[in-house]
Amino acid sequence: MSVPSLALLRWQFDLTWSLFEYHLERLEPGDFLWEPADHCWSVRQSTDGTWIPDWADTEPDPVPVPTIGWLTWHVGWWWTVAMDHLRGGSARQRTAVVWPGAGEPSVAWLRDLRTEWLGLLDQLGDSDLDRIATFPWPDGTDHTVTHTIGWVNSELMKNVAEIGQLRLLRAAGADRYGPAARP
């Protein structure tokens, strides 16, 4: 039996989201800014109270270990921009996507993005899936909306795994060693 592309992509998204909910329900405010290593990317509060993510236009080597706070901002950023592109609107700049803070504000934000994403998917028909997509691909590719939805699923799955692993490490007491004392 053949499964239409959108139904399969939606199933994959729902599966990934169910794995995310396992961790979202268990995240504590202190989990978000826990730095598991000396070389970390996080979100840092500015003098006006907004949260600014660490960033470099060229990926550093070695790549910094992200905090859960940074990862939740990152999910919010790429997901917001993906939706801007699929709607055909102007994509927000990275600096315009502001992290709402540790704990429930971030969890609620991510759940709201999920609701918004599902609403967008519900508006798509089969013909929409074959349209050329502009994100996250460079100009001139023949990637479609189907590719973008698959990319969102993959990116979300990767970020969910990273958030889950960090949460599990902290819950297991990994922070008792401190970054420099890890075995």
N, C-alpha and C. Protein backbone atom coordinates (compact mmCIF):
# COMPACT_ATOMS: atom_id res chain seq x y z
N MET A 1 0.83 -1.18 0.00
CA MET A 1 0.00 0.00 0.00
C MET A 1 0.88 1.25 0.00
N SER A 2 0.62 2.15 -0.90
CA SER A 2 1.37 3.39 -1.03
C SER A 2 0.89 4.41 -0.01
N VAL A 3 1.84 5.12 0.60
CA VAL A 3 1.51 6.20 1.54
C VAL A 3 1.88 7.52 0.87
N PRO A 4 0.93 8.45 0.75
CA PRO A 4 1.26 9.75 0.14
C PRO A 4 2.40 10.43 0.90
N SER A 5 3.20 11.20 0.17
CA SER A 5 4.39 11.84 0.75
C SER A 5 4.09 12.65 1.99
N LEU A 6 3.07 13.49 1.93
CA LEU A 6 2.77 14.35 3.07
C LEU A 6 2.37 13.53 4.29
N ALA A 7 1.61 12.47 4.09
CA ALA A 7 1.21 11.62 5.21
C ALA A 7 2.43 10.96 5.85
N LEU A 8 3.36 10.52 5.04
CA LEU A 8 4.58 9.89 5.57
C LEU A 8 5.43 10.91 6.31
N LEU A 9 5.58 12.10 5.74
CA LEU A 9 6.36 13.14 6.41
C LEU A 9 5.71 13.56 7.72
N ARG A 10 4.40 13.64 7.74
CA ARG A 10 3.67 14.00 8.96
C ARG A 10 3.85 12.90 10.02
N TRP A 11 3.79 11.64 9.61
CA TRP A 11 4.00 10.52 10.53
C TRP A 11 5.40 10.61 11.14
N GLN A 12 6.39 10.88 10.28
CA GLN A 12 7.77 10.98 10.76
C GLN A 12 7.91 12.14 11.75
N PHE A 13 7.30 13.28 11.44
CA PHE A 13 7.33 14.41 12.34
C PHE A 13 6.68 14.06 13.68
N ASP A 14 5.50 13.46 13.63
CA ASP A 14 4.78 13.11 14.86
C ASP A 14 5.59 12.15 15.72
N LEU A 15 6.27 11.20 15.09
CA LEU A 15 7.13 10.27 15.83
C LEU A 15 8.26 11.02 16.53
N THR A 16 8.92 11.89 15.78
CA THR A 16 10.02 12.68 16.35
C THR A 16 9.51 13.56 17.49
N TRP A 17 8.35 14.19 17.28
CA TRP A 17 7.82 15.06 18.32
C TRP A 17 7.47 14.27 19.59
N SER A 18 6.96 13.05 19.43
CA SER A 18 6.63 12.26 20.62
C SER A 18 7.89 11.97 21.43
N LEU A 19 9.01 11.77 20.75
CA LEU A 19 10.28 11.57 21.46
C LEU A 19 10.71 12.87 22.15
N PHE A 20 10.44 14.00 21.51
CA PHE A 20 10.77 15.29 22.10
C PHE A 20 9.94 15.55 23.36
N GLU A 21 8.66 15.22 23.30
CA GLU A 21 7.79 15.44 24.46
C GLU A 21 8.30 14.71 25.69
N TYR A 22 8.88 13.54 25.50
CA TYR A 22 9.45 12.80 26.62
C TYR A 22 10.43 13.69 27.39
N HIS A 23 11.26 14.41 26.66
CA HIS A 23 12.25 15.28 27.31
C HIS A 23 11.66 16.62 27.72
N LEU A 24 10.79 17.18 26.89
CA LEU A 24 10.20 18.48 27.24
C LEU A 24 9.47 18.42 28.58
N GLU A 25 8.77 17.31 28.82
CA GLU A 25 8.03 17.15 30.07
C GLU A 25 8.94 17.05 31.29
N ARG A 26 10.19 16.71 31.08
CA ARG A 26 11.11 16.48 32.18
C ARG A 26 12.17 17.58 32.35
N LEU A 27 12.22 18.51 31.41
CA LEU A 27 13.22 19.58 31.52
C LEU A 27 12.93 20.46 32.73
N GLU A 28 13.99 20.82 33.42
CA GLU A 28 13.91 21.75 34.54
C GLU A 28 14.61 23.04 34.13
N PRO A 29 14.22 24.16 34.72
CA PRO A 29 14.86 25.42 34.32
C PRO A 29 16.39 25.38 34.38
N GLY A 30 16.96 24.70 35.36
CA GLY A 30 18.42 24.62 35.48
C GLY A 30 19.08 23.83 34.37
N ASP A 31 18.32 23.01 33.65
CA ASP A 31 18.89 22.22 32.55
C ASP A 31 19.32 23.09 31.38
N PHE A 32 18.62 24.20 31.17
CA PHE A 32 18.79 24.98 29.95
C PHE A 32 20.16 25.65 29.83
N LEU A 33 20.71 26.11 30.94
CA LEU A 33 21.98 26.84 30.88
C LEU A 33 23.15 26.03 31.44
N TRP A 34 22.90 24.76 31.74
CA TRP A 34 23.98 23.88 32.21
C TRP A 34 25.02 23.72 31.11
N GLU A 35 26.27 24.00 31.46
CA GLU A 35 27.36 23.89 30.50
C GLU A 35 28.14 22.61 30.76
N PRO A 36 28.00 21.62 29.87
CA PRO A 36 28.62 20.32 30.09
C PRO A 36 30.11 20.26 29.78
N ALA A 37 30.69 21.33 29.26
CA ALA A 37 32.11 21.35 28.90
C ALA A 37 32.61 22.79 28.98
N ASP A 38 33.93 22.93 28.98
CA ASP A 38 34.51 24.27 29.02
C ASP A 38 34.22 25.05 27.73
N HIS A 39 34.22 24.34 26.61
CA HIS A 39 34.03 24.96 25.30
C HIS A 39 32.56 24.81 24.91
N CYS A 40 31.74 25.81 25.28
CA CYS A 40 30.28 25.73 25.12
C CYS A 40 29.73 26.93 24.38
N TRP A 41 28.63 26.67 23.70
CA TRP A 41 27.78 27.74 23.20
C TRP A 41 26.52 27.73 24.03
N SER A 42 26.09 28.93 24.42
CA SER A 42 24.89 29.05 25.24
C SER A 42 24.12 30.29 24.80
N VAL A 43 23.16 30.67 25.58
CA VAL A 43 22.46 31.94 25.41
C VAL A 43 22.78 32.76 26.65
N ARG A 44 23.02 34.03 26.45
CA ARG A 44 23.46 34.88 27.55
C ARG A 44 22.57 36.11 27.61
N GLN A 45 22.18 36.46 28.82
CA GLN A 45 21.27 37.58 28.99
C GLN A 45 22.00 38.90 28.83
N SER A 46 21.45 39.77 27.99
CA SER A 46 22.04 41.09 27.77
C SER A 46 21.56 42.05 28.86
N THR A 47 22.08 43.24 28.85
CA THR A 47 21.71 44.22 29.87
C THR A 47 20.24 44.61 29.79
N ASP A 48 19.62 44.47 28.61
CA ASP A 48 18.19 44.81 28.50
C ASP A 48 17.28 43.62 28.80
N GLY A 49 17.88 42.49 29.19
CA GLY A 49 17.10 41.32 29.59
C GLY A 49 16.83 40.30 28.49
N THR A 50 17.14 40.66 27.23
CA THR A 50 16.95 39.68 26.16
C THR A 50 18.10 38.68 26.16
N TRP A 51 17.83 37.53 25.58
CA TRP A 51 18.83 36.46 25.53
C TRP A 51 19.49 36.45 24.16
N ILE A 52 20.81 36.44 24.15
CA ILE A 52 21.60 36.48 22.93
C ILE A 52 22.35 35.15 22.80
N PRO A 53 22.15 34.44 21.68
CA PRO A 53 22.87 33.18 21.50
C PRO A 53 24.31 33.41 21.08
N ASP A 54 25.20 32.57 21.56
CA ASP A 54 26.57 32.58 21.05
C ASP A 54 26.50 32.22 19.57
N TRP A 55 27.38 32.81 18.78
CA TRP A 55 27.33 32.58 17.33
C TRP A 55 28.65 32.94 16.69
N ALA A 56 28.97 32.25 15.62
CA ALA A 56 30.11 32.60 14.77
C ALA A 56 29.67 32.36 13.33
N ASP A 57 30.00 33.28 12.45
CA ASP A 57 29.60 33.12 11.05
C ASP A 57 30.33 31.96 10.38
N THR A 58 31.51 31.65 10.86
CA THR A 58 32.25 30.48 10.40
C THR A 58 32.32 29.51 11.57
N GLU A 59 31.89 28.27 11.32
CA GLU A 59 31.84 27.29 12.40
C GLU A 59 33.23 27.08 13.01
N PRO A 60 33.35 27.22 14.32
CA PRO A 60 34.65 27.04 14.97
C PRO A 60 35.10 25.58 14.92
N ASP A 61 36.40 25.39 15.05
CA ASP A 61 36.98 24.06 15.14
C ASP A 61 37.89 24.04 16.35
N PRO A 62 37.54 23.30 17.39
CA PRO A 62 36.44 22.35 17.46
C PRO A 62 35.09 23.06 17.65
N VAL A 63 34.04 22.36 17.27
CA VAL A 63 32.68 22.89 17.41
C VAL A 63 32.35 22.93 18.91
N PRO A 64 31.83 24.05 19.40
CA PRO A 64 31.46 24.13 20.82
C PRO A 64 30.29 23.19 21.14
N VAL A 65 30.27 22.70 22.36
CA VAL A 65 29.15 21.89 22.83
C VAL A 65 28.01 22.85 23.15
N PRO A 66 26.85 22.68 22.55
CA PRO A 66 25.75 23.60 22.84
C PRO A 66 25.04 23.23 24.14
N THR A 67 24.50 24.24 24.80
CA THR A 67 23.64 23.99 25.95
C THR A 67 22.22 23.71 25.45
N ILE A 68 21.38 23.23 26.33
CA ILE A 68 19.97 23.04 25.96
C ILE A 68 19.34 24.38 25.60
N GLY A 69 19.71 25.43 26.30
CA GLY A 69 19.20 26.76 25.97
C GLY A 69 19.56 27.14 24.54
N TRP A 70 20.82 26.95 24.17
CA TRP A 70 21.25 27.27 22.82
C TRP A 70 20.51 26.40 21.81
N LEU A 71 20.38 25.13 22.09
CA LEU A 71 19.69 24.22 21.17
C LEU A 71 18.22 24.59 21.00
N THR A 72 17.55 24.97 22.08
CA THR A 72 16.14 25.35 21.95
C THR A 72 16.01 26.65 21.16
N TRP A 73 16.94 27.59 21.35
CA TRP A 73 16.93 28.79 20.51
C TRP A 73 17.16 28.39 19.05
N HIS A 74 18.11 27.52 18.81
CA HIS A 74 18.46 27.10 17.46
C HIS A 74 17.26 26.46 16.75
N VAL A 75 16.54 25.58 17.45
CA VAL A 75 15.33 24.98 16.88
C VAL A 75 14.34 26.08 16.52
N GLY A 76 14.12 27.00 17.45
CA GLY A 76 13.17 28.08 17.20
C GLY A 76 13.58 28.94 16.02
N TRP A 77 14.86 29.18 15.89
CA TRP A 77 15.36 30.00 14.78
C TRP A 77 15.15 29.31 13.45
N TRP A 78 15.70 28.10 13.27
CA TRP A 78 15.60 27.49 11.93
C TRP A 78 14.16 27.13 11.58
N TRP A 79 13.37 26.79 12.58
CA TRP A 79 11.97 26.42 12.31
C TRP A 79 11.16 27.65 11.89
N THR A 80 11.38 28.77 12.57
CA THR A 80 10.71 30.02 12.22
C THR A 80 11.06 30.43 10.79
N VAL A 81 12.34 30.35 10.46
CA VAL A 81 12.78 30.74 9.12
C VAL A 81 12.24 29.77 8.07
N ALA A 82 12.20 28.48 8.37
CA ALA A 82 11.63 27.50 7.43
C ALA A 82 10.16 27.83 7.15
N MET A 83 9.42 28.18 8.18
CA MET A 83 8.01 28.53 7.97
C MET A 83 7.88 29.82 7.18
N ASP A 84 8.73 30.81 7.45
CA ASP A 84 8.71 32.05 6.66
C ASP A 84 8.87 31.73 5.18
N HIS A 85 9.83 30.88 4.86
CA HIS A 85 10.09 30.51 3.47
C HIS A 85 8.92 29.75 2.85
N LEU A 86 8.38 28.78 3.57
CA LEU A 86 7.29 28.00 3.00
C LEU A 86 6.05 28.86 2.75
N ARG A 87 5.89 29.89 3.53
CA ARG A 87 4.75 30.80 3.33
C ARG A 87 5.03 31.81 2.21
N GLY A 88 6.28 31.85 1.75
CA GLY A 88 6.64 32.78 0.68
C GLY A 88 6.92 34.18 1.17
N GLY A 89 7.08 34.34 2.47
CA GLY A 89 7.35 35.66 3.03
C GLY A 89 8.83 35.92 3.21
N SER A 90 9.14 37.07 3.75
CA SER A 90 10.52 37.41 4.05
C SER A 90 10.96 36.63 5.28
N ALA A 91 12.12 36.06 5.19
CA ALA A 91 12.64 35.29 6.31
C ALA A 91 13.24 36.23 7.36
N ARG A 92 12.93 35.95 8.60
CA ARG A 92 13.50 36.74 9.69
C ARG A 92 15.00 36.49 9.78
N GLN A 93 15.70 37.52 10.20
CA GLN A 93 17.13 37.40 10.44
C GLN A 93 17.35 36.60 11.73
N ARG A 94 18.49 35.98 11.83
CA ARG A 94 18.83 35.18 13.01
C ARG A 94 18.68 36.00 14.28
N THR A 95 19.10 37.24 14.25
CA THR A 95 19.06 38.08 15.45
C THR A 95 17.64 38.51 15.83
N ALA A 96 16.69 38.31 14.93
CA ALA A 96 15.30 38.68 15.21
C ALA A 96 14.53 37.57 15.93
N VAL A 97 15.13 36.40 16.01
CA VAL A 97 14.48 35.27 16.69
C VAL A 97 15.06 35.20 18.09
N VAL A 98 14.24 35.60 19.06
CA VAL A 98 14.71 35.78 20.44
C VAL A 98 14.28 34.59 21.30
N TRP A 99 15.24 34.06 22.03
CA TRP A 99 14.97 32.95 22.95
C TRP A 99 14.16 33.50 24.13
N PRO A 100 13.07 32.82 24.52
CA PRO A 100 12.20 33.36 25.58
C PRO A 100 12.68 33.12 27.01
N GLY A 101 13.69 32.27 27.21
CA GLY A 101 14.18 32.03 28.55
C GLY A 101 14.05 30.57 28.96
N ALA A 102 14.69 30.25 30.08
CA ALA A 102 14.75 28.87 30.56
C ALA A 102 13.41 28.39 31.09
N GLY A 103 13.20 27.10 30.98
CA GLY A 103 12.03 26.47 31.56
C GLY A 103 10.79 26.58 30.68
N GLU A 104 9.66 26.82 31.33
CA GLU A 104 8.37 26.82 30.65
C GLU A 104 8.28 27.79 29.47
N PRO A 105 8.90 28.99 29.54
CA PRO A 105 8.81 29.87 28.36
C PRO A 105 9.34 29.21 27.08
N SER A 106 10.46 28.52 27.17
CA SER A 106 11.01 27.85 25.98
C SER A 106 10.17 26.65 25.57
N VAL A 107 9.72 25.88 26.54
CA VAL A 107 8.89 24.71 26.23
C VAL A 107 7.60 25.16 25.54
N ALA A 108 6.96 26.19 26.06
CA ALA A 108 5.72 26.71 25.46
C ALA A 108 5.99 27.24 24.05
N TRP A 109 7.11 27.93 23.86
CA TRP A 109 7.48 28.47 22.55
C TRP A 109 7.63 27.34 21.53
N LEU A 110 8.34 26.28 21.92
CA LEU A 110 8.53 25.16 21.00
C LEU A 110 7.21 24.46 20.69
N ARG A 111 6.37 24.31 21.68
CA ARG A 111 5.05 23.70 21.43
C ARG A 111 4.20 24.58 20.52
N ASP A 112 4.30 25.90 20.68
CA ASP A 112 3.57 26.81 19.80
C ASP A 112 4.10 26.71 18.36
N LEU A 113 5.42 26.58 18.21
CA LEU A 113 5.98 26.41 16.88
C LEU A 113 5.48 25.11 16.24
N ARG A 114 5.36 24.07 17.03
CA ARG A 114 4.82 22.80 16.53
C ARG A 114 3.40 23.00 16.00
N THR A 115 2.57 23.68 16.79
CA THR A 115 1.19 23.94 16.38
C THR A 115 1.16 24.76 15.08
N GLU A 116 2.01 25.76 15.01
CA GLU A 116 2.09 26.59 13.80
C GLU A 116 2.54 25.75 12.59
N TRP A 117 3.53 24.88 12.80
CA TRP A 117 4.04 24.02 11.73
C TRP A 117 2.95 23.07 11.22
N LEU A 118 2.23 22.45 12.14
CA LEU A 118 1.17 21.53 11.73
C LEU A 118 0.07 22.26 10.97
N GLY A 119 -0.24 23.48 11.38
CA GLY A 119 -1.22 24.28 10.64
C GLY A 119 -0.75 24.57 9.23
N LEU A 120 0.54 24.84 9.07
CA LEU A 120 1.11 25.08 7.75
C LEU A 120 1.06 23.81 6.91
N LEU A 121 1.42 22.67 7.50
CA LEU A 121 1.37 21.41 6.76
C LEU A 121 -0.06 21.09 6.33
N ASP A 122 -1.02 21.39 7.18
CA ASP A 122 -2.43 21.12 6.86
C ASP A 122 -2.92 21.93 5.66
N GLN A 123 -2.26 23.03 5.37
CA GLN A 123 -2.65 23.87 4.24
C GLN A 123 -2.05 23.41 2.91
N LEU A 124 -1.09 22.49 2.98
CA LEU A 124 -0.40 22.05 1.78
C LEU A 124 -1.15 20.92 1.08
N GLY A 125 -1.17 20.99 -0.24
CA GLY A 125 -1.70 19.90 -1.05
C GLY A 125 -0.56 19.20 -1.77
N ASP A 126 -0.88 18.12 -2.45
CA ASP A 126 0.16 17.36 -3.15
C ASP A 126 0.93 18.22 -4.15
N SER A 127 0.24 19.12 -4.84
CA SER A 127 0.94 19.96 -5.82
C SER A 127 1.93 20.91 -5.15
N ASP A 128 1.63 21.33 -3.91
CA ASP A 128 2.55 22.21 -3.17
C ASP A 128 3.87 21.51 -2.88
N LEU A 129 3.83 20.21 -2.69
CA LEU A 129 5.03 19.47 -2.32
C LEU A 129 6.09 19.49 -3.41
N ASP A 130 5.65 19.67 -4.65
CA ASP A 130 6.58 19.67 -5.79
C ASP A 130 7.15 21.05 -6.12
N ARG A 131 6.68 22.08 -5.43
CA ARG A 131 7.21 23.42 -5.66
C ARG A 131 8.68 23.48 -5.27
N ILE A 132 9.44 24.29 -5.99
CA ILE A 132 10.84 24.50 -5.64
C ILE A 132 10.89 25.26 -4.31
N ALA A 133 11.74 24.79 -3.43
CA ALA A 133 11.89 25.41 -2.11
C ALA A 133 13.13 26.28 -2.08
N THR A 134 13.07 27.34 -1.30
CA THR A 134 14.20 28.28 -1.21
C THR A 134 15.01 28.11 0.07
N PHE A 135 14.60 27.21 0.93
CA PHE A 135 15.29 27.06 2.22
C PHE A 135 15.27 25.61 2.64
N PRO A 136 16.34 25.12 3.18
CA PRO A 136 17.61 25.76 3.51
C PRO A 136 18.64 25.63 2.39
N TRP A 137 18.19 25.47 1.20
CA TRP A 137 19.04 25.17 0.06
C TRP A 137 19.59 26.44 -0.59
N PRO A 138 20.76 26.34 -1.19
CA PRO A 138 21.27 27.51 -1.93
C PRO A 138 20.46 27.73 -3.21
N ASP A 139 20.54 28.93 -3.73
CA ASP A 139 19.84 29.25 -4.98
C ASP A 139 20.30 28.29 -6.08
N GLY A 140 19.35 27.95 -6.95
CA GLY A 140 19.70 27.14 -8.10
C GLY A 140 19.53 25.64 -7.91
N THR A 141 19.13 25.21 -6.73
CA THR A 141 18.91 23.77 -6.55
C THR A 141 17.49 23.43 -6.98
N ASP A 142 17.26 22.14 -7.18
CA ASP A 142 15.92 21.71 -7.57
C ASP A 142 15.20 21.04 -6.40
N HIS A 143 15.61 21.40 -5.18
CA HIS A 143 14.96 20.83 -4.00
C HIS A 143 13.55 21.41 -3.86
N THR A 144 12.66 20.57 -3.39
CA THR A 144 11.25 20.93 -3.31
C THR A 144 10.80 21.15 -1.88
N VAL A 145 9.53 21.53 -1.75
CA VAL A 145 8.92 21.66 -0.43
C VAL A 145 9.00 20.32 0.31
N THR A 146 8.85 19.22 -0.41
CA THR A 146 9.00 17.90 0.22
C THR A 146 10.38 17.76 0.85
N HIS A 147 11.42 18.21 0.16
CA HIS A 147 12.77 18.16 0.71
C HIS A 147 12.87 19.00 1.99
N THR A 148 12.26 20.19 1.96
CA THR A 148 12.32 21.06 3.14
C THR A 148 11.62 20.42 4.33
N ILE A 149 10.46 19.82 4.10
CA ILE A 149 9.74 19.17 5.21
C ILE A 149 10.57 18.01 5.75
N GLY A 150 11.19 17.23 4.86
CA GLY A 150 12.07 16.16 5.30
C GLY A 150 13.26 16.68 6.08
N TRP A 151 13.81 17.83 5.64
CA TRP A 151 14.92 18.45 6.35
C TRP A 151 14.49 18.89 7.74
N VAL A 152 13.30 19.51 7.85
CA VAL A 152 12.80 19.92 9.17
C VAL A 152 12.72 18.70 10.08
N ASN A 153 12.18 17.60 9.58
CA ASN A 153 12.09 16.38 10.39
C ASN A 153 13.46 15.91 10.84
N SER A 154 14.43 15.92 9.92
CA SER A 154 15.78 15.45 10.25
C SER A 154 16.47 16.38 11.23
N GLU A 155 16.36 17.67 11.00
CA GLU A 155 16.99 18.65 11.89
C GLU A 155 16.37 18.57 13.28
N LEU A 156 15.04 18.44 13.33
CA LEU A 156 14.37 18.32 14.62
C LEU A 156 14.83 17.05 15.33
N MET A 157 14.91 15.94 14.60
CA MET A 157 15.33 14.69 15.22
C MET A 157 16.74 14.80 15.80
N LYS A 158 17.64 15.45 15.06
CA LYS A 158 19.02 15.65 15.54
C LYS A 158 19.02 16.51 16.80
N ASN A 159 18.29 17.62 16.77
CA ASN A 159 18.27 18.51 17.93
C ASN A 159 17.58 17.88 19.13
N VAL A 160 16.54 17.10 18.90
CA VAL A 160 15.86 16.39 19.99
C VAL A 160 16.84 15.42 20.66
N ALA A 161 17.61 14.70 19.85
CA ALA A 161 18.60 13.76 20.41
C ALA A 161 19.65 14.50 21.24
N GLU A 162 20.09 15.65 20.74
CA GLU A 162 21.10 16.43 21.48
C GLU A 162 20.53 16.94 22.81
N ILE A 163 19.32 17.48 22.77
CA ILE A 163 18.68 17.99 23.99
C ILE A 163 18.45 16.84 24.97
N GLY A 164 17.96 15.73 24.46
CA GLY A 164 17.72 14.57 25.32
C GLY A 164 18.99 14.06 25.97
N GLN A 165 20.06 13.98 25.21
CA GLN A 165 21.33 13.49 25.76
C GLN A 165 21.86 14.43 26.83
N LEU A 166 21.77 15.74 26.59
CA LEU A 166 22.23 16.68 27.60
C LEU A 166 21.38 16.59 28.87
N ARG A 167 20.07 16.47 28.70
CA ARG A 167 19.19 16.36 29.87
C ARG A 167 19.52 15.10 30.66
N LEU A 168 19.72 13.99 29.96
CA LEU A 168 20.03 12.72 30.64
C LEU A 168 21.37 12.80 31.36
N LEU A 169 22.37 13.40 30.73
CA LEU A 169 23.68 13.54 31.38
C LEU A 169 23.58 14.36 32.66
N ARG A 170 22.88 15.46 32.58
CA ARG A 170 22.74 16.30 33.78
C ARG A 170 21.96 15.58 34.85
N ALA A 171 20.86 14.91 34.46
CA ALA A 171 20.04 14.18 35.44
C ALA A 171 20.82 13.04 36.08
N ALA A 172 21.77 12.47 35.33
CA ALA A 172 22.57 11.37 35.86
C ALA A 172 23.72 11.86 36.73
N GLY A 173 23.86 13.16 36.83
CA GLY A 173 24.89 13.71 37.71
C GLY A 173 26.20 14.01 37.03
N ALA A 174 26.20 14.12 35.70
CA ALA A 174 27.44 14.40 34.99
C ALA A 174 28.07 15.70 35.44
N ASP A 175 27.26 16.66 35.92
CA ASP A 175 27.81 17.94 36.32
C ASP A 175 28.61 17.86 37.62
N ARG A 176 28.52 16.73 38.33
CA ARG A 176 29.27 16.60 39.57
C ARG A 176 30.78 16.55 39.32
N TYR A 177 31.17 16.21 38.08
CA TYR A 177 32.59 16.15 37.75
C TYR A 177 33.16 17.51 37.41
N GLY A 178 32.33 18.37 36.90
CA GLY A 178 32.84 19.64 36.39
C GLY A 178 33.52 19.41 35.05
N PRO A 179 33.52 20.42 34.17
CA PRO A 179 34.07 20.23 32.81
C PRO A 179 35.51 19.75 32.79
N ALA A 180 36.35 20.27 33.65
CA ALA A 180 37.77 19.90 33.57
C ALA A 180 38.09 18.54 34.18
N ALA A 181 37.20 18.01 35.01
CA ALA A 181 37.50 16.77 35.75
C ALA A 181 36.87 15.53 35.12
N ARG A 182 36.32 15.67 33.92
CA ARG A 182 35.64 14.51 33.31
C ARG A 182 36.65 13.39 33.05
N PRO A 183 36.21 12.14 33.34
CA PRO A 183 37.12 11.00 33.06
C PRO A 183 37.36 10.84 31.58
